Amino acid sequence: MWILQEEIPQHVGIFIDDGGIKGPTSRYNDEVLEENKGIRRFIWEYAVTLERVLFRIEEAGLTISGKKFAVCVPELEIVGHVVGYYGRTISERKRNKIETWP
């Protein structure tokens, strides 16, 4: 059984040996938590998902590359695409390769 099976595709996306932990699809109009006005709801939901996924990875004895690990960033380049809150676009580097291809 996969260690992240219950998280795919809702919270985790896997591509060969790389993966991404998805954040909420809404920012809830920057709503804050009732219990702690200093934390926005979408950040809290992401932190809970992140902790759960990292715990499963640790329990399975797997490792994560510190060099490739990025968390809580507005956008990220993955497999030739820039992925962020507003969706996915082709990366500038990949676009240049396509445009200059013979």
PDB file of N, CA and C in Angstrom:
ATOM      1  N   MET A   1       0.847  -1.180   0.000  1.00  0.00           N
ATOM      2  CA  MET A   1       0.000   0.000   0.000  1.00  0.00           C
ATOM      3  C   MET A   1       0.892   1.243   0.000  1.00  0.00           C
ATOM      4  N   TRP A   2       0.525   2.213  -0.774  1.00  0.00           N
ATOM      5  CA  TRP A   2       1.277   3.463  -0.826  1.00  0.00           C
ATOM      6  C   TRP A   2       1.105   4.210   0.483  1.00  0.00           C
ATOM      7  N   ILE A   3       2.146   4.865   0.909  1.00  0.00           N
ATOM      8  CA  ILE A   3       2.052   5.598   2.176  1.00  0.00           C
ATOM      9  C   ILE A   3       1.216   6.867   2.054  1.00  0.00           C
ATOM     10  N   LEU A   4       1.106   7.400   0.840  1.00  0.00           N
ATOM     11  CA  LEU A   4       0.337   8.633   0.638  1.00  0.00           C
ATOM     12  C   LEU A   4      -0.951   8.393  -0.136  1.00  0.00           C
ATOM     13  N   GLN A   5      -1.345   7.139  -0.273  1.00  0.00           N
ATOM     14  CA  GLN A   5      -2.517   6.792  -1.074  1.00  0.00           C
ATOM     15  C   GLN A   5      -3.753   7.593  -0.680  1.00  0.00           C
ATOM     16  N   GLU A   6      -3.969   7.784   0.603  1.00  0.00           N
ATOM     17  CA  GLU A   6      -5.158   8.505   1.066  1.00  0.00           C
ATOM     18  C   GLU A   6      -5.086  10.002   0.775  1.00  0.00           C
ATOM     19  N   GLU A   7      -3.920  10.500   0.421  1.00  0.00           N
ATOM     20  CA  GLU A   7      -3.739  11.932   0.162  1.00  0.00           C
ATOM     21  C   GLU A   7      -3.824  12.285  -1.325  1.00  0.00           C
ATOM     22  N   ILE A   8      -3.712  11.268  -2.191  1.00  0.00           N
ATOM     23  CA  ILE A   8      -3.698  11.490  -3.633  1.00  0.00           C
ATOM     24  C   ILE A   8      -5.109  11.359  -4.189  1.00  0.00           C
ATOM     25  N   PRO A   9      -5.589  12.220  -5.038  1.00  0.00           N
ATOM     26  CA  PRO A   9      -4.993  13.431  -5.594  1.00  0.00           C
ATOM     27  C   PRO A   9      -5.389  14.705  -4.839  1.00  0.00           C
ATOM     28  N   GLN A  10      -6.219  14.565  -3.830  1.00  0.00           N
ATOM     29  CA  GLN A  10      -6.750  15.734  -3.124  1.00  0.00           C
ATOM     30  C   GLN A  10      -5.658  16.644  -2.556  1.00  0.00           C
ATOM     31  N   HIS A  11      -4.673  16.062  -1.875  1.00  0.00           N
ATOM     32  CA  HIS A  11      -3.674  16.874  -1.178  1.00  0.00           C
ATOM     33  C   HIS A  11      -2.248  16.708  -1.688  1.00  0.00           C
ATOM     34  N   VAL A  12      -1.983  15.635  -2.432  1.00  0.00           N
ATOM     35  CA  VAL A  12      -0.626  15.365  -2.900  1.00  0.00           C
ATOM     36  C   VAL A  12      -0.662  15.024  -4.380  1.00  0.00           C
ATOM     37  N   GLY A  13       0.289  15.584  -5.115  1.00  0.00           N
ATOM     38  CA  GLY A  13       0.482  15.232  -6.513  1.00  0.00           C
ATOM     39  C   GLY A  13       1.854  14.596  -6.656  1.00  0.00           C
ATOM     40  N   ILE A  14       1.943  13.486  -7.357  1.00  0.00           N
ATOM     41  CA  ILE A  14       3.201  12.762  -7.511  1.00  0.00           C
ATOM     42  C   ILE A  14       3.575  12.706  -8.988  1.00  0.00           C
ATOM     43  N   PHE A  15       4.853  12.941  -9.278  1.00  0.00           N
ATOM     44  CA  PHE A  15       5.388  12.787 -10.628  1.00  0.00           C
ATOM     45  C   PHE A  15       6.700  12.022 -10.507  1.00  0.00           C
ATOM     46  N   ILE A  16       6.679  10.762 -10.861  1.00  0.00           N
ATOM     47  CA  ILE A  16       7.807   9.833 -10.759  1.00  0.00           C
ATOM     48  C   ILE A  16       8.342   9.825  -9.327  1.00  0.00           C
ATOM     49  N   ASP A  17       9.452  10.529  -9.059  1.00  0.00           N
ATOM     50  CA  ASP A  17       9.991  10.521  -7.697  1.00  0.00           C
ATOM     51  C   ASP A  17       9.896  11.896  -7.032  1.00  0.00           C
ATOM     52  N   ASP A  18       9.100  12.768  -7.598  1.00  0.00           N
ATOM     53  CA  ASP A  18       8.861  14.088  -7.014  1.00  0.00           C
ATOM     54  C   ASP A  18       7.409  14.192  -6.589  1.00  0.00           C
ATOM     55  N   GLY A  19       7.154  15.067  -5.663  1.00  0.00           N
ATOM     56  CA  GLY A  19       5.780  15.250  -5.215  1.00  0.00           C
ATOM     57  C   GLY A  19       5.541  16.664  -4.740  1.00  0.00           C
ATOM     58  N   GLY A  20       4.298  17.011  -4.704  1.00  0.00           N
ATOM     59  CA  GLY A  20       3.908  18.321  -4.205  1.00  0.00           C
ATOM     60  C   GLY A  20       2.742  18.184  -3.254  1.00  0.00           C
ATOM     61  N   ILE A  21       2.751  18.991  -2.220  1.00  0.00           N
ATOM     62  CA  ILE A  21       1.650  19.011  -1.261  1.00  0.00           C
ATOM     63  C   ILE A  21       0.804  20.231  -1.591  1.00  0.00           C
ATOM     64  N   LYS A  22      -0.430  19.980  -1.959  1.00  0.00           N
ATOM     65  CA  LYS A  22      -1.308  21.048  -2.417  1.00  0.00           C
ATOM     66  C   LYS A  22      -1.921  21.803  -1.248  1.00  0.00           C
ATOM     67  N   GLY A  23      -2.082  23.091  -1.456  1.00  0.00           N
ATOM     68  CA  GLY A  23      -2.772  23.916  -0.474  1.00  0.00           C
ATOM     69  C   GLY A  23      -4.253  23.965  -0.786  1.00  0.00           C
ATOM     70  N   PRO A  24      -5.026  24.640   0.058  1.00  0.00           N
ATOM     71  CA  PRO A  24      -6.463  24.772  -0.185  1.00  0.00           C
ATOM     72  C   PRO A  24      -6.733  25.479  -1.513  1.00  0.00           C
ATOM     73  N   THR A  25      -7.860  25.188  -2.117  1.00  0.00           N
ATOM     74  CA  THR A  25      -8.217  25.825  -3.386  1.00  0.00           C
ATOM     75  C   THR A  25      -8.828  27.201  -3.176  1.00  0.00           C
ATOM     76  N   SER A  26      -9.073  27.570  -1.945  1.00  0.00           N
ATOM     77  CA  SER A  26      -9.644  28.881  -1.629  1.00  0.00           C
ATOM     78  C   SER A  26      -8.788  29.581  -0.589  1.00  0.00           C
ATOM     79  N   ARG A  27      -8.793  30.892  -0.652  1.00  0.00           N
ATOM     80  CA  ARG A  27      -8.130  31.686   0.394  1.00  0.00           C
ATOM     81  C   ARG A  27      -9.151  32.201   1.398  1.00  0.00           C
ATOM     82  N   TYR A  28     -10.391  31.805   1.228  1.00  0.00           N
ATOM     83  CA  TYR A  28     -11.470  32.151   2.166  1.00  0.00           C
ATOM     84  C   TYR A  28     -11.525  33.651   2.463  1.00  0.00           C
ATOM     85  N   ASN A  29     -11.267  34.464   1.440  1.00  0.00           N
ATOM     86  CA  ASN A  29     -11.266  35.928   1.615  1.00  0.00           C
ATOM     87  C   ASN A  29     -10.395  36.365   2.789  1.00  0.00           C
ATOM     88  N   ASP A  30      -9.287  35.674   2.978  1.00  0.00           N
ATOM     89  CA  ASP A  30      -8.331  35.955   4.064  1.00  0.00           C
ATOM     90  C   ASP A  30      -8.955  35.871   5.450  1.00  0.00           C
ATOM     91  N   GLU A  31      -9.965  35.030   5.589  1.00  0.00           N
ATOM     92  CA  GLU A  31     -10.605  34.787   6.891  1.00  0.00           C
ATOM     93  C   GLU A  31      -9.561  34.284   7.883  1.00  0.00           C
ATOM     94  N   VAL A  32      -9.650  34.752   9.115  1.00  0.00           N
ATOM     95  CA  VAL A  32      -8.721  34.309  10.161  1.00  0.00           C
ATOM     96  C   VAL A  32      -9.415  33.307  11.065  1.00  0.00           C
ATOM     97  N   LEU A  33      -8.607  32.544  11.799  1.00  0.00           N
ATOM     98  CA  LEU A  33      -9.163  31.572  12.737  1.00  0.00           C
ATOM     99  C   LEU A  33      -9.791  32.292  13.916  1.00  0.00           C
ATOM    100  N   GLU A  34     -10.915  31.801  14.363  1.00  0.00           N
ATOM    101  CA  GLU A  34     -11.594  32.380  15.517  1.00  0.00           C
ATOM    102  C   GLU A  34     -10.721  32.265  16.767  1.00  0.00           C
ATOM    103  N   GLU A  35     -10.022  31.127  16.900  1.00  0.00           N
ATOM    104  CA  GLU A  35      -9.203  30.867  18.083  1.00  0.00           C
ATOM    105  C   GLU A  35      -7.904  31.669  18.091  1.00  0.00           C
ATOM    106  N   ASN A  36      -7.447  32.087  16.892  1.00  0.00           N
ATOM    107  CA  ASN A  36      -6.182  32.811  16.795  1.00  0.00           C
ATOM    108  C   ASN A  36      -6.262  33.766  15.612  1.00  0.00           C
ATOM    109  N   LYS A  37      -6.527  35.004  15.874  1.00  0.00           N
ATOM    110  CA  LYS A  37      -6.737  36.000  14.812  1.00  0.00           C
ATOM    111  C   LYS A  37      -5.481  36.277  13.992  1.00  0.00           C
ATOM    112  N   GLY A  38      -4.331  35.751  14.427  1.00  0.00           N
ATOM    113  CA  GLY A  38      -3.090  35.963  13.698  1.00  0.00           C
ATOM    114  C   GLY A  38      -2.839  34.947  12.598  1.00  0.00           C
ATOM    115  N   ILE A  39      -3.724  33.959  12.455  1.00  0.00           N
ATOM    116  CA  ILE A  39      -3.521  32.905  11.458  1.00  0.00           C
ATOM    117  C   ILE A  39      -4.703  32.876  10.499  1.00  0.00           C
ATOM    118  N   ARG A  40      -4.390  32.982   9.204  1.00  0.00           N
ATOM    119  CA  ARG A  40      -5.455  32.888   8.206  1.00  0.00           C
ATOM    120  C   ARG A  40      -5.843  31.425   8.009  1.00  0.00           C
ATOM    121  N   ARG A  41      -7.114  31.206   7.727  1.00  0.00           N
ATOM    122  CA  ARG A  41      -7.666  29.848   7.626  1.00  0.00           C
ATOM    123  C   ARG A  41      -6.941  28.993   6.586  1.00  0.00           C
ATOM    124  N   PHE A  42      -6.668  29.562   5.408  1.00  0.00           N
ATOM    125  CA  PHE A  42      -6.045  28.744   4.363  1.00  0.00           C
ATOM    126  C   PHE A  42      -4.611  28.351   4.742  1.00  0.00           C
ATOM    127  N   ILE A  43      -3.924  29.198   5.502  1.00  0.00           N
ATOM    128  CA  ILE A  43      -2.579  28.857   5.973  1.00  0.00           C
ATOM    129  C   ILE A  43      -2.660  27.712   6.984  1.00  0.00           C
ATOM    130  N   TRP A  44      -3.629  27.799   7.894  1.00  0.00           N
ATOM    131  CA  TRP A  44      -3.807  26.747   8.901  1.00  0.00           C
ATOM    132  C   TRP A  44      -4.117  25.404   8.236  1.00  0.00           C
ATOM    133  N   GLU A  45      -5.027  25.408   7.263  1.00  0.00           N
ATOM    134  CA  GLU A  45      -5.379  24.163   6.574  1.00  0.00           C
ATOM    135  C   GLU A  45      -4.163  23.564   5.871  1.00  0.00           C
ATOM    136  N   TYR A  46      -3.354  24.421   5.250  1.00  0.00           N
ATOM    137  CA  TYR A  46      -2.153  23.932   4.578  1.00  0.00           C
ATOM    138  C   TYR A  46      -1.170  23.353   5.591  1.00  0.00           C
ATOM    139  N   ALA A  47      -0.990  24.021   6.713  1.00  0.00           N
ATOM    140  CA  ALA A  47      -0.065  23.544   7.751  1.00  0.00           C
ATOM    141  C   ALA A  47      -0.494  22.181   8.292  1.00  0.00           C
ATOM    142  N   VAL A  48      -1.791  21.982   8.466  1.00  0.00           N
ATOM    143  CA  VAL A  48      -2.304  20.697   8.955  1.00  0.00           C
ATOM    144  C   VAL A  48      -2.030  19.595   7.926  1.00  0.00           C
ATOM    145  N   THR A  49      -2.298  19.881   6.656  1.00  0.00           N
ATOM    146  CA  THR A  49      -2.036  18.908   5.591  1.00  0.00           C
ATOM    147  C   THR A  49      -0.541  18.611   5.494  1.00  0.00           C
ATOM    148  N   LEU A  50       0.275  19.641   5.526  1.00  0.00           N
ATOM    149  CA  LEU A  50       1.723  19.484   5.453  1.00  0.00           C
ATOM    150  C   LEU A  50       2.238  18.596   6.584  1.00  0.00           C
ATOM    151  N   GLU A  51       1.798  18.860   7.795  1.00  0.00           N
ATOM    152  CA  GLU A  51       2.231  18.071   8.950  1.00  0.00           C
ATOM    153  C   GLU A  51       1.829  16.607   8.802  1.00  0.00           C
ATOM    154  N   ARG A  52       0.609  16.362   8.337  1.00  0.00           N
ATOM    155  CA  ARG A  52       0.113  14.992   8.180  1.00  0.00           C
ATOM    156  C   ARG A  52       0.928  14.232   7.126  1.00  0.00           C
ATOM    157  N   VAL A  53       1.198  14.886   5.989  1.00  0.00           N
ATOM    158  CA  VAL A  53       1.950  14.237   4.913  1.00  0.00           C
ATOM    159  C   VAL A  53       3.399  13.992   5.335  1.00  0.00           C
ATOM    160  N   LEU A  54       4.032  14.984   5.951  1.00  0.00           N
ATOM    161  CA  LEU A  54       5.415  14.808   6.397  1.00  0.00           C
ATOM    162  C   LEU A  54       5.522  13.719   7.460  1.00  0.00           C
ATOM    163  N   PHE A  55       4.523  13.609   8.316  1.00  0.00           N
ATOM    164  CA  PHE A  55       4.512  12.551   9.326  1.00  0.00           C
ATOM    165  C   PHE A  55       4.476  11.180   8.660  1.00  0.00           C
ATOM    166  N   ARG A  56       3.621  11.026   7.644  1.00  0.00           N
ATOM    167  CA  ARG A  56       3.526   9.739   6.939  1.00  0.00           C
ATOM    168  C   ARG A  56       4.845   9.389   6.251  1.00  0.00           C
ATOM    169  N   ILE A  57       5.484  10.386   5.668  1.00  0.00           N
ATOM    170  CA  ILE A  57       6.769  10.159   5.006  1.00  0.00           C
ATOM    171  C   ILE A  57       7.818   9.728   6.028  1.00  0.00           C
ATOM    172  N   GLU A  58       7.855  10.409   7.157  1.00  0.00           N
ATOM    173  CA  GLU A  58       8.809  10.068   8.216  1.00  0.00           C
ATOM    174  C   GLU A  58       8.552   8.669   8.773  1.00  0.00           C
ATOM    175  N   GLU A  59       7.300   8.345   9.025  1.00  0.00           N
ATOM    176  CA  GLU A  59       6.945   7.028   9.566  1.00  0.00           C
ATOM    177  C   GLU A  59       7.352   5.897   8.629  1.00  0.00           C
ATOM    178  N   ALA A  60       7.336   6.173   7.317  1.00  0.00           N
ATOM    179  CA  ALA A  60       7.711   5.153   6.338  1.00  0.00           C
ATOM    180  C   ALA A  60       9.227   5.053   6.173  1.00  0.00           C
ATOM    181  N   GLY A  61       9.967   5.942   6.841  1.00  0.00           N
ATOM    182  CA  GLY A  61      11.420   5.910   6.745  1.00  0.00           C
ATOM    183  C   GLY A  61      11.972   6.537   5.480  1.00  0.00           C
ATOM    184  N   LEU A  62      11.154   7.315   4.791  1.00  0.00           N
ATOM    185  CA  LEU A  62      11.608   7.971   3.570  1.00  0.00           C
ATOM    186  C   LEU A  62      12.295   9.290   3.912  1.00  0.00           C
ATOM    187  N   THR A  63      13.005   9.835   2.946  1.00  0.00           N
ATOM    188  CA  THR A  63      13.675  11.115   3.149  1.00  0.00           C
ATOM    189  C   THR A  63      13.217  12.118   2.104  1.00  0.00           C
ATOM    190  N   ILE A  64      13.452  13.384   2.404  1.00  0.00           N
ATOM    191  CA  ILE A  64      13.109  14.482   1.503  1.00  0.00           C
ATOM    192  C   ILE A  64      14.384  15.266   1.241  1.00  0.00           C
ATOM    193  N   SER A  65      14.600  15.643  -0.004  1.00  0.00           N
ATOM    194  CA  SER A  65      15.771  16.439  -0.353  1.00  0.00           C
ATOM    195  C   SER A  65      15.603  17.860   0.178  1.00  0.00           C
ATOM    196  N   GLY A  66      16.495  18.257   1.059  1.00  0.00           N
ATOM    197  CA  GLY A  66      16.456  19.617   1.580  1.00  0.00           C
ATOM    198  C   GLY A  66      16.665  20.648   0.489  1.00  0.00           C
ATOM    199  N   LYS A  67      17.465  20.313  -0.507  1.00  0.00           N
ATOM    200  CA  LYS A  67      17.741  21.217  -1.619  1.00  0.00           C
ATOM    201  C   LYS A  67      16.489  21.465  -2.464  1.00  0.00           C
ATOM    202  N   LYS A  68      15.655  20.449  -2.610  1.00  0.00           N
ATOM    203  CA  LYS A  68      14.455  20.567  -3.443  1.00  0.00           C
ATOM    204  C   LYS A  68      13.203  20.938  -2.651  1.00  0.00           C
ATOM    205  N   PHE A  69      13.295  20.924  -1.329  1.00  0.00           N
ATOM    206  CA  PHE A  69      12.121  21.159  -0.484  1.00  0.00           C
ATOM    207  C   PHE A  69      11.794  22.649  -0.423  1.00  0.00           C
ATOM    208  N   ALA A  70      10.590  23.002  -0.807  1.00  0.00           N
ATOM    209  CA  ALA A  70      10.111  24.388  -0.739  1.00  0.00           C
ATOM    210  C   ALA A  70       8.725  24.351  -0.120  1.00  0.00           C
ATOM    211  N   VAL A  71       8.489  25.202   0.839  1.00  0.00           N
ATOM    212  CA  VAL A  71       7.203  25.194   1.534  1.00  0.00           C
ATOM    213  C   VAL A  71       6.690  26.622   1.680  1.00  0.00           C
ATOM    214  N   CYS A  72       5.382  26.763   1.555  1.00  0.00           N
ATOM    215  CA  CYS A  72       4.711  28.061   1.722  1.00  0.00           C
ATOM    216  C   CYS A  72       5.261  29.119   0.772  1.00  0.00           C
ATOM    217  N   VAL A  73       5.417  28.756  -0.480  1.00  0.00           N
ATOM    218  CA  VAL A  73       5.878  29.703  -1.489  1.00  0.00           C
ATOM    219  C   VAL A  73       4.703  30.059  -2.398  1.00  0.00           C
ATOM    220  N   PRO A  74       4.668  31.292  -2.926  1.00  0.00           N
ATOM    221  CA  PRO A  74       3.530  31.695  -3.757  1.00  0.00           C
ATOM    222  C   PRO A  74       3.432  30.933  -5.070  1.00  0.00           C
ATOM    223  N   GLU A  75       4.585  30.548  -5.642  1.00  0.00           N
ATOM    224  CA  GLU A  75       4.588  29.726  -6.844  1.00  0.00           C
ATOM    225  C   GLU A  75       5.892  28.956  -6.911  1.00  0.00           C
ATOM    226  N   LEU A  76       5.869  27.910  -7.754  1.00  0.00           N
ATOM    227  CA  LEU A  76       6.994  26.988  -7.805  1.00  0.00           C
ATOM    228  C   LEU A  76       7.089  26.405  -9.202  1.00  0.00           C
ATOM    229  N   GLU A  77       8.316  26.223  -9.694  1.00  0.00           N
ATOM    230  CA  GLU A  77       8.489  25.589 -10.998  1.00  0.00           C
ATOM    231  C   GLU A  77       8.621  24.084 -10.809  1.00  0.00           C
ATOM    232  N   ILE A  78       7.741  23.349 -11.474  1.00  0.00           N
ATOM    233  CA  ILE A  78       7.716  21.892 -11.386  1.00  0.00           C
ATOM    234  C   ILE A  78       7.549  21.328 -12.791  1.00  0.00           C
ATOM    235  N   VAL A  79       8.454  20.482 -13.198  1.00  0.00           N
ATOM    236  CA  VAL A  79       8.385  19.766 -14.473  1.00  0.00           C
ATOM    237  C   VAL A  79       8.029  20.710 -15.628  1.00  0.00           C
ATOM    238  N   GLY A  80       8.723  21.843 -15.708  1.00  0.00           N
ATOM    239  CA  GLY A  80       8.521  22.767 -16.811  1.00  0.00           C
ATOM    240  C   GLY A  80       7.301  23.659 -16.701  1.00  0.00           C
ATOM    241  N   HIS A  81       6.629  23.641 -15.571  1.00  0.00           N
ATOM    242  CA  HIS A  81       5.465  24.496 -15.349  1.00  0.00           C
ATOM    243  C   HIS A  81       5.660  25.332 -14.092  1.00  0.00           C
ATOM    244  N   VAL A  82       5.093  26.525 -14.106  1.00  0.00           N
ATOM    245  CA  VAL A  82       5.049  27.347 -12.907  1.00  0.00           C
ATOM    246  C   VAL A  82       3.657  27.157 -12.324  1.00  0.00           C
ATOM    247  N   VAL A  83       3.607  26.657 -11.099  1.00  0.00           N
ATOM    248  CA  VAL A  83       2.345  26.330 -10.441  1.00  0.00           C
ATOM    249  C   VAL A  83       2.165  27.264  -9.255  1.00  0.00           C
ATOM    250  N   GLY A  84       0.972  27.820  -9.141  1.00  0.00           N
ATOM    251  CA  GLY A  84       0.676  28.717  -8.026  1.00  0.00           C
ATOM    252  C   GLY A  84      -0.816  28.774  -7.768  1.00  0.00           C
ATOM    253  N   TYR A  85      -1.202  29.705  -6.935  1.00  0.00           N
ATOM    254  CA  TYR A  85      -2.605  29.843  -6.557  1.00  0.00           C
ATOM    255  C   TYR A  85      -3.499  30.067  -7.774  1.00  0.00           C
ATOM    256  N   TYR A  86      -2.995  30.799  -8.762  1.00  0.00           N
ATOM    257  CA  TYR A  86      -3.820  31.143  -9.915  1.00  0.00           C
ATOM    258  C   TYR A  86      -3.781  30.104 -11.025  1.00  0.00           C
ATOM    259  N   GLY A  87      -3.121  28.994 -10.784  1.00  0.00           N
ATOM    260  CA  GLY A  87      -3.118  27.924 -11.775  1.00  0.00           C
ATOM    261  C   GLY A  87      -1.725  27.531 -12.209  1.00  0.00           C
ATOM    262  N   ARG A  88      -1.650  27.019 -13.429  1.00  0.00           N
ATOM    263  CA  ARG A  88      -0.397  26.480 -13.951  1.00  0.00           C
ATOM    264  C   ARG A  88      -0.128  27.085 -15.319  1.00  0.00           C
ATOM    265  N   THR A  89       1.113  27.524 -15.543  1.00  0.00           N
ATOM    266  CA  THR A  89       1.538  28.034 -16.843  1.00  0.00           C
ATOM    267  C   THR A  89       2.873  27.394 -17.189  1.00  0.00           C
ATOM    268  N   ILE A  90       3.205  27.425 -18.464  1.00  0.00           N
ATOM    269  CA  ILE A  90       4.489  26.876 -18.879  1.00  0.00           C
ATOM    270  C   ILE A  90       5.595  27.810 -18.384  1.00  0.00           C
ATOM    271  N   SER A  91       6.705  27.240 -17.946  1.00  0.00           N
ATOM    272  CA  SER A  91       7.804  28.061 -17.429  1.00  0.00           C
ATOM    273  C   SER A  91       8.482  28.806 -18.572  1.00  0.00           C
ATOM    274  N   GLU A  92       9.063  29.941 -18.249  1.00  0.00           N
ATOM    275  CA  GLU A  92       9.764  30.750 -19.244  1.00  0.00           C
ATOM    276  C   GLU A  92      10.908  29.947 -19.871  1.00  0.00           C
ATOM    277  N   ARG A  93      11.620  29.200 -19.060  1.00  0.00           N
ATOM    278  CA  ARG A  93      12.734  28.379 -19.546  1.00  0.00           C
ATOM    279  C   ARG A  93      12.238  27.338 -20.556  1.00  0.00           C
ATOM    280  N   LYS A  94      11.138  26.681 -20.246  1.00  0.00           N
ATOM    281  CA  LYS A  94      10.574  25.665 -21.148  1.00  0.00           C
ATOM    282  C   LYS A  94      10.050  26.323 -22.427  1.00  0.00           C
ATOM    283  N   ARG A  95       9.407  27.477 -22.288  1.00  0.00           N
ATOM    284  CA  ARG A  95       8.889  28.205 -23.454  1.00  0.00           C
ATOM    285  C   ARG A  95      10.037  28.571 -24.401  1.00  0.00           C
ATOM    286  N   ASN A  96      11.146  29.058 -23.847  1.00  0.00           N
ATOM    287  CA  ASN A  96      12.304  29.414 -24.675  1.00  0.00           C
ATOM    288  C   ASN A  96      12.850  28.206 -25.418  1.00  0.00           C
ATOM    289  N   LYS A  97      12.899  27.056 -24.765  1.00  0.00           N
ATOM    290  CA  LYS A  97      13.377  25.835 -25.424  1.00  0.00           C
ATOM    291  C   LYS A  97      12.483  25.471 -26.605  1.00  0.00           C
ATOM    292  N   ILE A  98      11.178  25.599 -26.422  1.00  0.00           N
ATOM    293  CA  ILE A  98      10.227  25.262 -27.485  1.00  0.00           C
ATOM    294  C   ILE A  98      10.355  26.242 -28.642  1.00  0.00           C
ATOM    295  N   GLU A  99      10.463  27.532 -28.327  1.00  0.00           N
ATOM    296  CA  GLU A  99      10.533  28.560 -29.371  1.00  0.00           C
ATOM    297  C   GLU A  99      11.837  28.502 -30.170  1.00  0.00           C
ATOM    298  N   THR A 100      12.916  28.039 -29.551  1.00  0.00           N
ATOM    299  CA  THR A 100      14.200  27.973 -30.260  1.00  0.00           C
ATOM    300  C   THR A 100      14.501  26.579 -30.804  1.00  0.00           C
ATOM    301  N   TRP A 101      13.550  25.681 -30.680  1.00  0.00           N
ATOM    302  CA  TRP A 101      13.737  24.324 -31.177  1.00  0.00           C
ATOM    303  C   TRP A 101      13.755  24.331 -32.707  1.00  0.00           C
ATOM    304  N   PRO A 102      14.683  23.596 -33.293  1.00  0.00           N
ATOM    305  CA  PRO A 102      14.772  23.588 -34.765  1.00  0.00           C
ATOM    306  C   PRO A 102      13.536  23.067 -35.368  1.00  0.00           C
TER     307      PRO A 102
END
